[in-house]
Amino acid sequence: MIRSARTEHSYYVRDAAQADLPAVLTMKAAAWREAYGHLRDEQFFQRAEATLDRQIEHWRGIVDRGTTVWMAEDERGTCVGMACAAPARPERMHGRTDLPDLELTALYVLASAQGTGVADALLDRALGEAPAFLWVLAENPRAQSFYRRHGFHDDGASVAMDGPWEGLQEQLMVRRAAGMGSSA
């Protein structure tokens, strides 16, 4: 349990079950609007939200293959955050052989729960102190700062995004060893 002095709410982090995925992915869509609303137009979000059923099936497959999705709930049982980490996939490593074997594939928290410790707890459940890497939008300094506080550093690598994210860049952040702290 996380007790937030900022909001006077309690939050709980737990493994998400298959039945939780609709709530988790609905929250993720809302978090996208909050985090990326200044970068994408309304049609982008409407198209993404229209594919919720397909997203749920996709994430069910991920969970069926043994990947854990963690969720954070408030005291009313409302999902306010989610995280997922998985073994590194070659297509996400972009030819790199020097990256850790673990990737943080998702971490989203609603604005109402930011600054409460929810994101810290989700990251801890997903990665612990393990070496890991992640890709973060270059246009998301808040997230970059959060990851730096947790020992990730900017690697210098970036990739241009395509499809609905075209025009944006993802940058690589890496945490090589536990307790390394920020080196960037």
C-alpha atoms as a PDB file:
ATOM      1  CA  MET A   1       0.000   0.000   0.000  1.00  0.00           C
ATOM      2  CA  ILE A   2       1.145   3.518  -0.817  1.00  0.00           C
ATOM      3  CA  ARG A   3      -0.231   6.283   1.379  1.00  0.00           C
ATOM      4  CA  SER A   4       0.066   9.637  -0.361  1.00  0.00           C
ATOM      5  CA  ALA A   5       0.437  12.735   1.762  1.00  0.00           C
ATOM      6  CA  ARG A   6      -0.127  14.848  -1.360  1.00  0.00           C
ATOM      7  CA  THR A   7      -3.593  13.499  -2.133  1.00  0.00           C
ATOM      8  CA  GLU A   8      -4.699  11.845   1.119  1.00  0.00           C
ATOM      9  CA  HIS A   9      -5.397   8.683  -0.870  1.00  0.00           C
ATOM     10  CA  SER A  10      -4.089   5.153  -0.607  1.00  0.00           C
ATOM     11  CA  TYR A  11      -2.912   3.204  -3.626  1.00  0.00           C
ATOM     12  CA  TYR A  12      -2.244  -0.483  -4.112  1.00  0.00           C
ATOM     13  CA  VAL A  13       0.051  -2.111  -6.668  1.00  0.00           C
ATOM     14  CA  ARG A  14      -0.682  -5.670  -7.749  1.00  0.00           C
ATOM     15  CA  ASP A  15      -0.411  -8.051 -10.663  1.00  0.00           C
ATOM     16  CA  ALA A  16      -3.131  -7.379 -13.212  1.00  0.00           C
ATOM     17  CA  ALA A  17      -5.320 -10.351 -14.075  1.00  0.00           C
ATOM     18  CA  GLN A  18      -6.837 -10.952 -17.496  1.00  0.00           C
ATOM     19  CA  ALA A  19     -10.112  -9.475 -16.224  1.00  0.00           C
ATOM     20  CA  ASP A  20      -8.291  -6.243 -15.258  1.00  0.00           C
ATOM     21  CA  LEU A  21      -6.976  -5.520 -18.758  1.00  0.00           C
ATOM     22  CA  PRO A  22      -9.988  -3.474 -19.952  1.00  0.00           C
ATOM     23  CA  ALA A  23      -9.610  -1.122 -16.960  1.00  0.00           C
ATOM     24  CA  VAL A  24      -5.814  -1.017 -17.303  1.00  0.00           C
ATOM     25  CA  LEU A  25      -5.926  -0.175 -21.009  1.00  0.00           C
ATOM     26  CA  THR A  26      -8.720   2.379 -20.574  1.00  0.00           C
ATOM     27  CA  MET A  27      -6.515   4.078 -17.972  1.00  0.00           C
ATOM     28  CA  LYS A  28      -3.560   3.886 -20.381  1.00  0.00           C
ATOM     29  CA  ALA A  29      -5.618   5.653 -23.067  1.00  0.00           C
ATOM     30  CA  ALA A  30      -6.498   8.419 -20.590  1.00  0.00           C
ATOM     31  CA  ALA A  31      -2.832   8.724 -19.551  1.00  0.00           C
ATOM     32  CA  TRP A  32      -1.859   9.069 -23.219  1.00  0.00           C
ATOM     33  CA  ARG A  33      -4.292  11.988 -23.566  1.00  0.00           C
ATOM     34  CA  GLU A  34      -2.777  13.656 -20.502  1.00  0.00           C
ATOM     35  CA  ALA A  35       0.856  13.065 -21.466  1.00  0.00           C
ATOM     36  CA  TYR A  36       0.687  13.503 -25.234  1.00  0.00           C
ATOM     37  CA  GLY A  37      -2.302  15.806 -25.785  1.00  0.00           C
ATOM     38  CA  HIS A  38      -0.003  18.633 -26.814  1.00  0.00           C
ATOM     39  CA  LEU A  39       1.806  16.384 -29.325  1.00  0.00           C
ATOM     40  CA  ARG A  40      -1.072  14.654 -31.116  1.00  0.00           C
ATOM     41  CA  ASP A  41      -4.489  15.786 -32.343  1.00  0.00           C
ATOM     42  CA  GLU A  42      -7.881  14.569 -31.150  1.00  0.00           C
ATOM     43  CA  GLN A  43      -8.219  12.137 -34.056  1.00  0.00           C
ATOM     44  CA  PHE A  44      -5.072  10.320 -32.909  1.00  0.00           C
ATOM     45  CA  PHE A  45      -6.649   9.594 -29.521  1.00  0.00           C
ATOM     46  CA  GLN A  46     -10.019   8.697 -31.001  1.00  0.00           C
ATOM     47  CA  ARG A  47      -8.373   6.179 -33.357  1.00  0.00           C
ATOM     48  CA  ALA A  48      -6.374   4.662 -30.499  1.00  0.00           C
ATOM     49  CA  GLU A  49      -9.431   4.422 -28.251  1.00  0.00           C
ATOM     50  CA  ALA A  50     -11.444   2.830 -31.080  1.00  0.00           C
ATOM     51  CA  THR A  51      -8.992  -0.097 -31.067  1.00  0.00           C
ATOM     52  CA  LEU A  52      -9.411  -0.887 -27.365  1.00  0.00           C
ATOM     53  CA  ASP A  53     -10.850  -4.358 -28.063  1.00  0.00           C
ATOM     54  CA  ARG A  54      -7.823  -5.263 -30.218  1.00  0.00           C
ATOM     55  CA  GLN A  55      -5.466  -3.828 -27.606  1.00  0.00           C
ATOM     56  CA  ILE A  56      -7.085  -5.965 -24.906  1.00  0.00           C
ATOM     57  CA  GLU A  57      -6.625  -9.097 -27.032  1.00  0.00           C
ATOM     58  CA  HIS A  58      -2.997  -8.140 -27.717  1.00  0.00           C
ATOM     59  CA  TRP A  59      -2.262  -7.624 -24.017  1.00  0.00           C
ATOM     60  CA  ARG A  60      -4.088 -10.874 -23.124  1.00  0.00           C
ATOM     61  CA  GLY A  61      -1.608 -12.631 -25.393  1.00  0.00           C
ATOM     62  CA  ILE A  62       1.271 -10.903 -23.638  1.00  0.00           C
ATOM     63  CA  VAL A  63      -0.025 -12.041 -20.246  1.00  0.00           C
ATOM     64  CA  ASP A  64      -0.724 -15.566 -21.581  1.00  0.00           C
ATOM     65  CA  ARG A  65       2.944 -15.791 -22.624  1.00  0.00           C
ATOM     66  CA  GLY A  66       3.972 -15.159 -19.012  1.00  0.00           C
ATOM     67  CA  THR A  67       4.653 -11.421 -18.954  1.00  0.00           C
ATOM     68  CA  THR A  68       3.311  -9.705 -15.865  1.00  0.00           C
ATOM     69  CA  VAL A  69       1.402  -6.444 -16.089  1.00  0.00           C
ATOM     70  CA  TRP A  70       1.272  -4.521 -12.821  1.00  0.00           C
ATOM     71  CA  MET A  71      -1.486  -2.109 -11.979  1.00  0.00           C
ATOM     72  CA  ALA A  72      -1.993   0.540  -9.342  1.00  0.00           C
ATOM     73  CA  GLU A  73      -5.449   1.127  -7.898  1.00  0.00           C
ATOM     74  CA  ASP A  74      -6.854   3.724  -5.582  1.00  0.00           C
ATOM     75  CA  GLU A  75      -8.927   2.775  -2.542  1.00  0.00           C
ATOM     76  CA  ARG A  76     -12.078   2.625  -4.711  1.00  0.00           C
ATOM     77  CA  GLY A  77     -10.477   0.031  -6.997  1.00  0.00           C
ATOM     78  CA  THR A  78      -9.989   2.479  -9.887  1.00  0.00           C
ATOM     79  CA  CYS A  79      -6.891   1.800 -11.971  1.00  0.00           C
ATOM     80  CA  VAL A  80      -4.555   4.837 -11.849  1.00  0.00           C
ATOM     81  CA  GLY A  81      -1.374   3.329 -13.283  1.00  0.00           C
ATOM     82  CA  MET A  82       0.262   0.379 -15.003  1.00  0.00           C
ATOM     83  CA  ALA A  83       3.693  -0.995 -15.795  1.00  0.00           C
ATOM     84  CA  CYS A  84       5.121  -3.842 -17.814  1.00  0.00           C
ATOM     85  CA  ALA A  85       8.647  -5.154 -18.306  1.00  0.00           C
ATOM     86  CA  ALA A  86       9.762  -8.002 -20.520  1.00  0.00           C
ATOM     87  CA  PRO A  87      12.876  -9.710 -21.844  1.00  0.00           C
ATOM     88  CA  ALA A  88      14.543  -7.528 -24.455  1.00  0.00           C
ATOM     89  CA  ARG A  89      13.286  -8.141 -28.000  1.00  0.00           C
ATOM     90  CA  PRO A  90      15.734  -7.764 -30.899  1.00  0.00           C
ATOM     91  CA  GLU A  91      13.496  -5.311 -32.775  1.00  0.00           C
ATOM     92  CA  ARG A  92      13.513  -2.999 -29.745  1.00  0.00           C
ATOM     93  CA  MET A  93      17.313  -3.197 -29.439  1.00  0.00           C
ATOM     94  CA  HIS A  94      17.864  -1.740 -32.936  1.00  0.00           C
ATOM     95  CA  GLY A  95      20.949  -3.855 -33.583  1.00  0.00           C
ATOM     96  CA  ARG A  96      22.540  -3.103 -30.214  1.00  0.00           C
ATOM     97  CA  THR A  97      24.219  -5.983 -28.388  1.00  0.00           C
ATOM     98  CA  ASP A  98      25.349  -3.993 -25.345  1.00  0.00           C
ATOM     99  CA  LEU A  99      21.916  -3.418 -23.777  1.00  0.00           C
ATOM    100  CA  PRO A 100      20.599  -5.172 -20.668  1.00  0.00           C
ATOM    101  CA  ASP A 101      18.327  -8.172 -21.163  1.00  0.00           C
ATOM    102  CA  LEU A 102      15.299  -6.432 -19.635  1.00  0.00           C
ATOM    103  CA  GLU A 103      13.140  -3.680 -21.160  1.00  0.00           C
ATOM    104  CA  LEU A 104      10.567  -1.521 -19.433  1.00  0.00           C
ATOM    105  CA  THR A 105       7.882  -1.665 -22.115  1.00  0.00           C
ATOM    106  CA  ALA A 106       5.214   0.480 -20.449  1.00  0.00           C
ATOM    107  CA  LEU A 107       4.747   2.769 -17.460  1.00  0.00           C
ATOM    108  CA  TYR A 108       1.745   5.081 -17.333  1.00  0.00           C
ATOM    109  CA  VAL A 109       0.192   6.909 -14.382  1.00  0.00           C
ATOM    110  CA  LEU A 110      -2.780   9.250 -14.476  1.00  0.00           C
ATOM    111  CA  ALA A 111      -1.968  12.870 -13.680  1.00  0.00           C
ATOM    112  CA  SER A 112      -4.153  12.688 -10.562  1.00  0.00           C
ATOM    113  CA  ALA A 113      -1.795  10.047  -9.101  1.00  0.00           C
ATOM    114  CA  GLN A 114       1.502  11.563 -10.224  1.00  0.00           C
ATOM    115  CA  GLY A 115       3.755  12.689  -7.401  1.00  0.00           C
ATOM    116  CA  THR A 116       2.195  10.179  -4.983  1.00  0.00           C
ATOM    117  CA  GLY A 117       4.769   7.397  -5.214  1.00  0.00           C
ATOM    118  CA  VAL A 118       2.606   5.278  -7.533  1.00  0.00           C
ATOM    119  CA  ALA A 119       5.062   5.464 -10.443  1.00  0.00           C
ATOM    120  CA  ASP A 120       7.966   4.640  -8.105  1.00  0.00           C
ATOM    121  CA  ALA A 121       6.111   1.590  -6.784  1.00  0.00           C
ATOM    122  CA  LEU A 122       5.167   0.418 -10.284  1.00  0.00           C
ATOM    123  CA  LEU A 123       8.748   0.785 -11.517  1.00  0.00           C
ATOM    124  CA  ASP A 124      10.029  -1.103  -8.481  1.00  0.00           C
ATOM    125  CA  ARG A 125       7.589  -3.969  -9.092  1.00  0.00           C
ATOM    126  CA  ALA A 126       8.417  -4.114 -12.797  1.00  0.00           C
ATOM    127  CA  LEU A 127      12.218  -3.882 -12.562  1.00  0.00           C
ATOM    128  CA  GLY A 128      13.397  -3.875  -8.975  1.00  0.00           C
ATOM    129  CA  GLU A 129      17.058  -2.818  -9.161  1.00  0.00           C
ATOM    130  CA  ALA A 130      17.786  -4.852 -12.297  1.00  0.00           C
ATOM    131  CA  PRO A 131      19.730  -3.388 -15.200  1.00  0.00           C
ATOM    132  CA  ALA A 132      17.234  -2.433 -17.900  1.00  0.00           C
ATOM    133  CA  PHE A 133      16.566  -0.145 -20.813  1.00  0.00           C
ATOM    134  CA  LEU A 134      13.586   1.796 -22.098  1.00  0.00           C
ATOM    135  CA  TRP A 135      12.580   4.074 -24.932  1.00  0.00           C
ATOM    136  CA  VAL A 136      10.988   7.376 -23.952  1.00  0.00           C
ATOM    137  CA  LEU A 137       9.647  10.191 -26.090  1.00  0.00           C
ATOM    138  CA  ALA A 138      12.300  12.852 -26.535  1.00  0.00           C
ATOM    139  CA  GLU A 139       9.436  15.328 -26.059  1.00  0.00           C
ATOM    140  CA  ASN A 140       8.627  13.995 -22.556  1.00  0.00           C
ATOM    141  CA  PRO A 141      11.066  15.683 -20.126  1.00  0.00           C
ATOM    142  CA  ARG A 142       8.958  14.785 -17.070  1.00  0.00           C
ATOM    143  CA  ALA A 143       9.335  11.068 -17.784  1.00  0.00           C
ATOM    144  CA  GLN A 144      13.037  11.456 -18.544  1.00  0.00           C
ATOM    145  CA  SER A 145      13.580  13.173 -15.199  1.00  0.00           C
ATOM    146  CA  PHE A 146      11.672  10.396 -13.409  1.00  0.00           C
ATOM    147  CA  TYR A 147      13.823   7.699 -15.017  1.00  0.00           C
ATOM    148  CA  ARG A 148      17.045   9.583 -14.221  1.00  0.00           C
ATOM    149  CA  ARG A 149      16.029   9.614 -10.554  1.00  0.00           C
ATOM    150  CA  HIS A 150      15.859   5.819 -10.815  1.00  0.00           C
ATOM    151  CA  GLY A 151      19.368   5.369 -12.201  1.00  0.00           C
ATOM    152  CA  PHE A 152      18.696   5.510 -15.941  1.00  0.00           C
ATOM    153  CA  HIS A 153      20.875   7.667 -18.143  1.00  0.00           C
ATOM    154  CA  ASP A 154      20.458   9.022 -21.652  1.00  0.00           C
ATOM    155  CA  ASP A 155      22.334   6.703 -23.970  1.00  0.00           C
ATOM    156  CA  GLY A 156      22.439   9.183 -26.850  1.00  0.00           C
ATOM    157  CA  ALA A 157      20.638   6.850 -29.258  1.00  0.00           C
ATOM    158  CA  SER A 158      17.323   7.917 -30.716  1.00  0.00           C
ATOM    159  CA  VAL A 159      14.947   6.625 -33.357  1.00  0.00           C
ATOM    160  CA  ALA A 160      12.363   8.408 -35.452  1.00  0.00           C
ATOM    161  CA  MET A 161       8.898   7.062 -34.828  1.00  0.00           C
ATOM    162  CA  ASP A 162       6.567   6.181 -37.655  1.00  0.00           C
ATOM    163  CA  GLY A 163       2.898   5.495 -38.219  1.00  0.00           C
ATOM    164  CA  PRO A 164       0.622   7.528 -35.971  1.00  0.00           C
ATOM    165  CA  TRP A 165       3.656   8.723 -33.972  1.00  0.00           C
ATOM    166  CA  GLU A 166       5.479  10.048 -37.062  1.00  0.00           C
ATOM    167  CA  GLY A 167       7.370  13.267 -36.414  1.00  0.00           C
ATOM    168  CA  LEU A 168       8.383  12.293 -32.873  1.00  0.00           C
ATOM    169  CA  GLN A 169      11.600  10.747 -31.572  1.00  0.00           C
ATOM    170  CA  GLU A 170      12.171   8.070 -28.979  1.00  0.00           C
ATOM    171  CA  GLN A 171      15.390   8.212 -27.023  1.00  0.00           C
ATOM    172  CA  LEU A 172      17.122   5.332 -25.321  1.00  0.00           C
ATOM    173  CA  MET A 173      17.667   5.377 -21.568  1.00  0.00           C
ATOM    174  CA  VAL A 174      19.709   2.656 -19.863  1.00  0.00           C
ATOM    175  CA  ARG A 175      20.346   1.559 -16.289  1.00  0.00           C
ATOM    176  CA  ARG A 176      23.456  -0.624 -16.302  1.00  0.00           C
ATOM    177  CA  ALA A 177      23.703  -1.723 -12.667  1.00  0.00           C
ATOM    178  CA  ALA A 178      21.880  -1.341  -9.394  1.00  0.00           C
ATOM    179  CA  GLY A 179      22.713   1.754  -7.398  1.00  0.00           C
ATOM    180  CA  MET A 180      24.432   3.471 -10.329  1.00  0.00           C
ATOM    181  CA  GLY A 181      22.406   6.633 -10.034  1.00  0.00           C
ATOM    182  CA  SER A 182      22.287   9.275 -12.709  1.00  0.00           C
ATOM    183  CA  SER A 183      25.332   9.641 -14.901  1.00  0.00           C
ATOM    184  CA  ALA A 184      23.880  12.055 -17.445  1.00  0.00           C
END
